[in-house]
Amino acid sequence: MLYGLTIFATDYTLQPADVARAAEERGFESLWLPEHTHIPAGGRTPWPGGPVMPKEYSHTYDPFVALTAAATATRTLKVGTSICLIIQRDPIITAKEVASLDNVSGGRFLFGIGAGWNVEEVEDHGTKFSRRFAVLRERVLAMRALWTQEEAEFHGRYVNFDKAWLYPKPLQKPHPPILMGGDSATTFDRVIEFCDGWIPISRGGQPPPAIREKVLELRRRAEAAGRDPDAISVSVYTCPPSHEVVDELARAGVERVIFLLPSAEPAEVLKAMDERARLIR
């Protein structure tokens, strides 16, 4: 089992480089940062976690800036997005940022992606919410072409460009692992077609629903599609810091658990990190 941490990196809590150094010192494998470009004021979309959206959602740093700080402050810690909101990003610029961060970090980047849940946030970027997964698919396929081809071109409904050079190429070959967030009826379609892993989320102190059965289904579908089922990783996001839950996830075939840290005063962040470090030991 691999053990990661995630935190909403904000302007009022422990800085990303400090979080990363402390995580590496305590033996964690990875640090993951979420993304929200902005939170629409007075938006109609309810927060999935309850009636009041926490402050940190509207205060997050750009994940690529924050993860670069984290990567340069560490030597072995992997750094990842959890998740990068592809719908809200230009694919050519994002391909450049991913490749640049993978090089700067020495090949330690993990590319967690998703389509987003906030309707107004997505649509403020010019994409109808109902089309978000079709847009995500084309943008990821276009980025993969830019990373792996000397002269890449892509012609789709939502992404269209002629032959282009984009360097640097990612240090990891063919590109950093792409891990798909979500747990809908069509999530595995995307994982099988263009991803290298799956990131379901844990809520309410419990494992994701039917996680054992879903891991088995994912591996079965991967094999049926001609992919190596062992090459598709499963990482559980916001896993509760519980021996019982972690053991259950390990038995289910989960490769990595990611514990949430509070976006709070530095002393509180470090205290929570120490508690989770004791658990993994």
Protein backbone atom coordinates (compact mmCIF):
# COMPACT_ATOMS: atom_id res chain seq x y z
CA MET A 1 0.00 0.00 0.00
CA LEU A 2 1.19 3.50 -0.88
CA TYR A 3 0.27 6.42 1.37
CA GLY A 4 -0.38 9.92 0.11
CA LEU A 5 -1.65 13.20 1.52
CA THR A 6 -3.90 15.87 0.11
CA ILE A 7 -4.61 19.40 1.27
CA PHE A 8 -6.35 22.44 -0.13
CA ALA A 9 -3.21 24.55 -0.53
CA THR A 10 -4.31 28.10 0.26
CA ASP A 11 -2.92 31.51 1.07
CA TYR A 12 -3.66 31.11 4.79
CA THR A 13 -2.30 27.69 5.70
CA LEU A 14 1.06 25.88 5.59
CA GLN A 15 2.82 26.66 2.32
CA PRO A 16 3.06 23.85 -0.30
CA ALA A 17 6.85 23.53 -0.01
CA ASP A 18 6.58 23.18 3.77
CA VAL A 19 3.80 20.60 3.49
CA ALA A 20 5.85 18.63 0.97
CA ARG A 21 9.03 18.65 3.07
CA ALA A 22 7.12 17.52 6.16
CA ALA A 23 5.35 14.78 4.19
CA GLU A 24 8.60 13.43 2.77
CA GLU A 25 10.27 13.48 6.20
CA ARG A 26 7.39 11.40 7.61
CA GLY A 27 7.58 8.74 4.91
CA PHE A 28 4.60 9.59 2.73
CA GLU A 29 4.79 8.59 -0.92
CA SER A 30 2.92 11.48 -2.50
CA LEU A 31 1.26 14.87 -2.08
CA TRP A 32 -1.88 15.72 -4.05
CA LEU A 33 -3.45 19.14 -4.54
CA PRO A 34 -6.98 19.90 -5.78
CA GLU A 35 -8.02 22.64 -8.16
CA HIS A 36 -10.72 25.26 -8.36
CA THR A 37 -10.04 28.19 -10.66
CA HIS A 38 -12.73 30.14 -8.81
CA ILE A 39 -16.01 29.57 -6.98
CA PRO A 40 -18.98 31.45 -8.47
CA ALA A 41 -20.53 33.69 -5.83
CA GLY A 42 -24.15 32.78 -5.25
CA GLY A 43 -23.87 29.70 -7.45
CA ARG A 44 -26.79 27.31 -7.54
CA THR A 45 -24.73 24.11 -7.48
CA PRO A 46 -24.81 22.54 -3.99
CA TRP A 47 -21.53 21.45 -2.45
CA PRO A 48 -21.48 17.60 -2.38
CA GLY A 49 -20.12 17.57 1.17
CA GLY A 50 -22.94 19.40 2.92
CA PRO A 51 -24.96 22.61 3.14
CA VAL A 52 -22.01 25.03 3.51
CA MET A 53 -18.99 25.00 1.22
CA PRO A 54 -15.74 25.44 3.17
CA LYS A 55 -13.68 28.58 2.69
CA GLU A 56 -10.71 26.73 1.20
CA TYR A 57 -12.57 25.95 -2.02
CA SER A 58 -12.33 29.59 -3.11
CA HIS A 59 -8.76 30.11 -1.83
CA THR A 60 -6.78 27.35 -3.56
CA TYR A 61 -3.48 28.06 -5.25
CA ASP A 62 -3.04 27.07 -8.86
CA PRO A 63 -2.01 23.41 -8.53
CA PHE A 64 0.86 23.52 -11.02
CA VAL A 65 2.46 26.51 -9.31
CA ALA A 66 2.00 24.94 -5.87
CA LEU A 67 3.22 21.50 -6.97
CA THR A 68 6.32 23.01 -8.56
CA ALA A 69 7.15 24.55 -5.18
CA ALA A 70 6.50 21.17 -3.53
CA ALA A 71 8.64 19.29 -6.04
CA THR A 72 11.65 21.60 -5.78
CA ALA A 73 11.54 21.34 -1.97
CA THR A 74 11.75 17.53 -1.99
CA ARG A 75 13.76 14.70 -3.54
CA THR A 76 11.56 11.58 -3.65
CA LEU A 77 8.00 12.70 -2.90
CA LYS A 78 5.63 12.29 -5.84
CA VAL A 79 3.36 15.25 -6.58
CA GLY A 80 -0.09 15.00 -8.10
CA THR A 81 -3.28 16.83 -8.99
CA SER A 82 -6.40 15.60 -7.26
CA ILE A 83 -7.93 16.61 -9.45
CA CYS A 84 -7.02 18.87 -12.36
CA LEU A 85 -10.22 20.24 -13.89
CA ILE A 86 -9.49 19.59 -17.55
CA ILE A 87 -12.72 21.24 -18.68
CA GLN A 88 -11.49 24.56 -17.35
CA ARG A 89 -8.07 24.47 -19.04
CA ASP A 90 -6.63 25.01 -22.48
CA PRO A 91 -5.20 21.61 -23.53
CA ILE A 92 -2.05 22.95 -25.21
CA ILE A 93 -1.10 25.09 -22.21
CA THR A 94 -1.92 22.24 -19.83
CA ALA A 95 0.17 19.80 -21.85
CA LYS A 96 3.08 22.24 -21.56
CA GLU A 97 2.57 22.62 -17.79
CA VAL A 98 2.36 18.86 -17.20
CA ALA A 99 5.50 18.18 -19.23
CA SER A 100 7.37 21.05 -17.57
CA LEU A 101 6.45 19.93 -14.06
CA ASP A 102 7.35 16.33 -14.84
CA ASN A 103 10.81 17.49 -15.95
CA VAL A 104 11.34 19.90 -13.06
CA SER A 105 10.34 17.21 -10.56
CA GLY A 106 12.57 14.54 -12.08
CA GLY A 107 9.63 12.43 -13.28
CA ARG A 108 7.59 12.55 -10.07
CA PHE A 109 4.31 13.94 -11.38
CA LEU A 110 0.96 12.10 -11.20
CA PHE A 111 -1.84 13.57 -13.32
CA GLY A 112 -5.17 13.15 -11.57
CA ILE A 113 -7.98 14.53 -13.73
CA GLY A 114 -11.72 15.11 -13.64
CA ALA A 115 -14.58 17.01 -15.20
CA GLY A 116 -15.79 18.95 -12.16
CA TRP A 117 -19.07 19.08 -10.26
CA ASN A 118 -19.81 22.82 -10.04
CA VAL A 119 -22.05 23.71 -12.97
CA GLU A 120 -21.42 27.44 -12.87
CA GLU A 121 -17.66 27.04 -12.46
CA VAL A 122 -17.47 24.82 -15.54
CA GLU A 123 -19.75 27.01 -17.65
CA ASP A 124 -17.86 30.19 -16.73
CA HIS A 125 -15.06 28.67 -18.82
CA GLY A 126 -17.26 28.38 -21.88
CA THR A 127 -18.25 24.70 -21.79
CA LYS A 128 -21.82 23.50 -21.32
CA PHE A 129 -21.92 21.23 -18.29
CA SER A 130 -23.70 18.49 -20.23
CA ARG A 131 -20.77 18.28 -22.68
CA ARG A 132 -18.00 18.20 -20.10
CA PHE A 133 -17.01 14.55 -20.52
CA ALA A 134 -16.86 14.76 -24.31
CA VAL A 135 -14.65 17.83 -23.96
CA LEU A 136 -12.48 16.10 -21.35
CA ARG A 137 -11.95 13.10 -23.62
CA GLU A 138 -10.75 15.16 -26.58
CA ARG A 139 -8.49 17.36 -24.47
CA VAL A 140 -6.78 14.37 -22.87
CA LEU A 141 -6.32 12.62 -26.22
CA ALA A 142 -4.90 15.83 -27.68
CA MET A 143 -2.46 16.20 -24.77
CA ARG A 144 -1.32 12.61 -25.16
CA ALA A 145 -0.57 13.34 -28.82
CA LEU A 146 1.43 16.45 -27.89
CA TRP A 147 3.46 14.48 -25.33
CA THR A 148 4.24 11.48 -27.51
CA GLN A 149 4.56 12.77 -31.08
CA GLU A 150 7.31 14.97 -32.50
CA GLU A 151 4.81 16.72 -34.76
CA ALA A 152 1.42 16.34 -33.15
CA GLU A 153 -1.91 17.26 -34.66
CA PHE A 154 -5.47 16.76 -33.48
CA HIS A 155 -8.76 17.34 -35.22
CA GLY A 156 -11.86 16.87 -33.11
CA ARG A 157 -15.10 18.61 -32.34
CA TYR A 158 -13.75 20.51 -29.33
CA VAL A 159 -9.98 20.50 -29.93
CA ASN A 160 -8.47 21.27 -33.30
CA PHE A 161 -4.90 22.08 -34.27
CA ASP A 162 -2.54 21.29 -37.16
CA LYS A 163 0.95 19.86 -36.83
CA ALA A 164 2.80 21.43 -33.91
CA TRP A 165 5.97 21.05 -31.89
CA LEU A 166 5.61 21.03 -28.12
CA TYR A 167 8.63 20.61 -25.87
CA PRO A 168 9.79 19.57 -23.39
CA LYS A 169 8.30 16.12 -23.62
CA PRO A 170 7.47 14.56 -20.25
CA LEU A 171 10.34 12.80 -18.53
CA GLN A 172 8.11 9.79 -17.78
CA LYS A 173 7.37 7.72 -20.87
CA PRO A 174 5.08 7.79 -22.66
CA HIS A 175 3.73 10.43 -20.23
CA PRO A 176 2.94 10.82 -16.51
CA PRO A 177 0.26 8.43 -15.24
CA ILE A 178 -3.24 9.78 -15.90
CA LEU A 179 -5.68 8.89 -13.13
CA MET A 180 -9.40 9.44 -13.64
CA GLY A 181 -11.48 10.79 -10.77
CA GLY A 182 -15.15 9.99 -10.30
CA ASP A 183 -17.40 7.01 -9.74
CA SER A 184 -20.20 7.17 -12.29
CA ALA A 185 -21.60 4.53 -14.62
CA THR A 186 -19.24 5.69 -17.40
CA THR A 187 -16.05 6.35 -15.40
CA PHE A 188 -14.49 3.02 -16.33
CA ASP A 189 -15.07 3.74 -20.03
CA ARG A 190 -12.70 6.70 -19.71
CA VAL A 191 -10.20 4.83 -17.54
CA ILE A 192 -9.96 2.00 -20.06
CA GLU A 193 -9.71 4.24 -23.12
CA PHE A 194 -7.16 6.86 -22.11
CA CYS A 195 -6.13 6.63 -18.44
CA ASP A 196 -3.70 4.68 -16.29
CA GLY A 197 -5.62 4.63 -13.03
CA TRP A 198 -8.79 5.43 -11.13
CA ILE A 199 -9.34 7.73 -8.12
CA PRO A 200 -12.67 7.13 -6.36
CA ILE A 201 -13.48 9.30 -3.35
CA SER A 202 -14.27 8.17 0.18
CA ARG A 203 -17.02 10.02 2.06
CA GLY A 204 -18.43 9.82 5.55
CA GLY A 205 -15.55 7.83 7.00
CA GLN A 206 -16.33 4.80 4.85
CA PRO A 207 -14.66 3.16 1.84
CA PRO A 208 -16.14 4.04 -1.56
CA PRO A 209 -19.34 2.00 -2.12
CA ALA A 210 -18.78 -1.56 -3.38
CA ILE A 211 -15.08 -0.88 -3.83
CA ARG A 212 -14.05 -4.55 -3.96
CA GLU A 213 -16.58 -5.36 -6.67
CA LYS A 214 -15.65 -2.26 -8.67
CA VAL A 215 -11.92 -2.99 -8.58
CA LEU A 216 -12.64 -6.49 -9.87
CA GLU A 217 -14.88 -5.07 -12.59
CA LEU A 218 -12.22 -2.56 -13.64
CA ARG A 219 -9.58 -5.27 -13.93
CA ARG A 220 -11.95 -7.54 -15.86
CA ARG A 221 -12.85 -4.77 -18.30
CA ALA A 222 -9.22 -3.79 -18.75
CA GLU A 223 -8.27 -7.35 -19.64
CA ALA A 224 -11.19 -7.64 -22.05
CA ALA A 225 -9.99 -4.45 -23.78
CA GLY A 226 -6.51 -5.87 -24.21
CA ARG A 227 -4.91 -3.84 -21.46
CA ASP A 228 -2.81 -5.17 -18.59
CA PRO A 229 -5.16 -5.05 -15.59
CA ASP A 230 -2.25 -4.85 -13.18
CA ALA A 231 -1.02 -1.69 -14.89
CA ILE A 232 -4.17 0.26 -13.95
CA SER A 233 -3.82 1.64 -10.43
CA VAL A 234 -6.58 2.41 -7.92
CA SER A 235 -6.09 5.22 -5.40
CA VAL A 236 -8.76 6.13 -2.84
CA TYR A 237 -9.05 9.86 -2.22
CA THR A 238 -9.80 11.37 1.21
CA CYS A 239 -9.46 7.97 2.83
CA PRO A 240 -10.33 8.11 6.55
CA PRO A 241 -7.26 7.64 8.77
CA SER A 242 -8.43 4.27 10.05
CA HIS A 243 -6.51 0.98 10.20
CA GLU A 244 -9.74 -0.91 9.58
CA VAL A 245 -10.62 1.06 6.44
CA VAL A 246 -7.07 0.91 5.07
CA ASP A 247 -6.92 -2.85 5.63
CA GLU A 248 -10.28 -3.29 3.89
CA LEU A 249 -9.08 -1.26 0.91
CA ALA A 250 -5.86 -3.27 0.71
CA ARG A 251 -7.88 -6.48 0.60
CA ALA A 252 -9.99 -4.96 -2.18
CA GLY A 253 -6.92 -4.41 -4.35
CA VAL A 254 -6.46 -0.68 -3.79
CA GLU A 255 -2.86 0.42 -4.43
CA ARG A 256 -2.82 3.82 -2.73
CA VAL A 257 -4.77 5.70 -0.06
CA ILE A 258 -4.71 9.50 0.15
CA PHE A 259 -5.43 11.11 3.53
CA LEU A 260 -6.93 14.60 3.78
CA LEU A 261 -5.19 17.27 5.85
CA PRO A 262 -7.08 20.30 7.17
CA SER A 263 -6.56 23.71 5.57
CA ALA A 264 -5.79 25.27 8.92
CA GLU A 265 -3.06 26.86 11.01
CA PRO A 266 0.37 25.28 10.36
CA ALA A 267 0.49 23.62 13.79
CA GLU A 268 -2.86 21.92 13.16
CA VAL A 269 -1.74 20.70 9.73
CA LEU A 270 1.44 19.18 11.17
CA LYS A 271 -0.47 17.59 14.03
CA ALA A 272 -2.84 15.90 11.57
CA MET A 273 0.11 14.78 9.46
CA ASP A 274 1.80 13.25 12.50
CA GLU A 275 -1.38 11.33 13.36
CA ARG A 276 -1.52 9.87 9.86
CA ALA A 277 2.20 9.11 9.91
CA ARG A 278 1.71 7.04 13.06
CA LEU A 279 -1.02 5.10 11.28
CA ILE A 280 1.15 4.18 8.29
CA ARG A 281 3.95 3.05 10.59
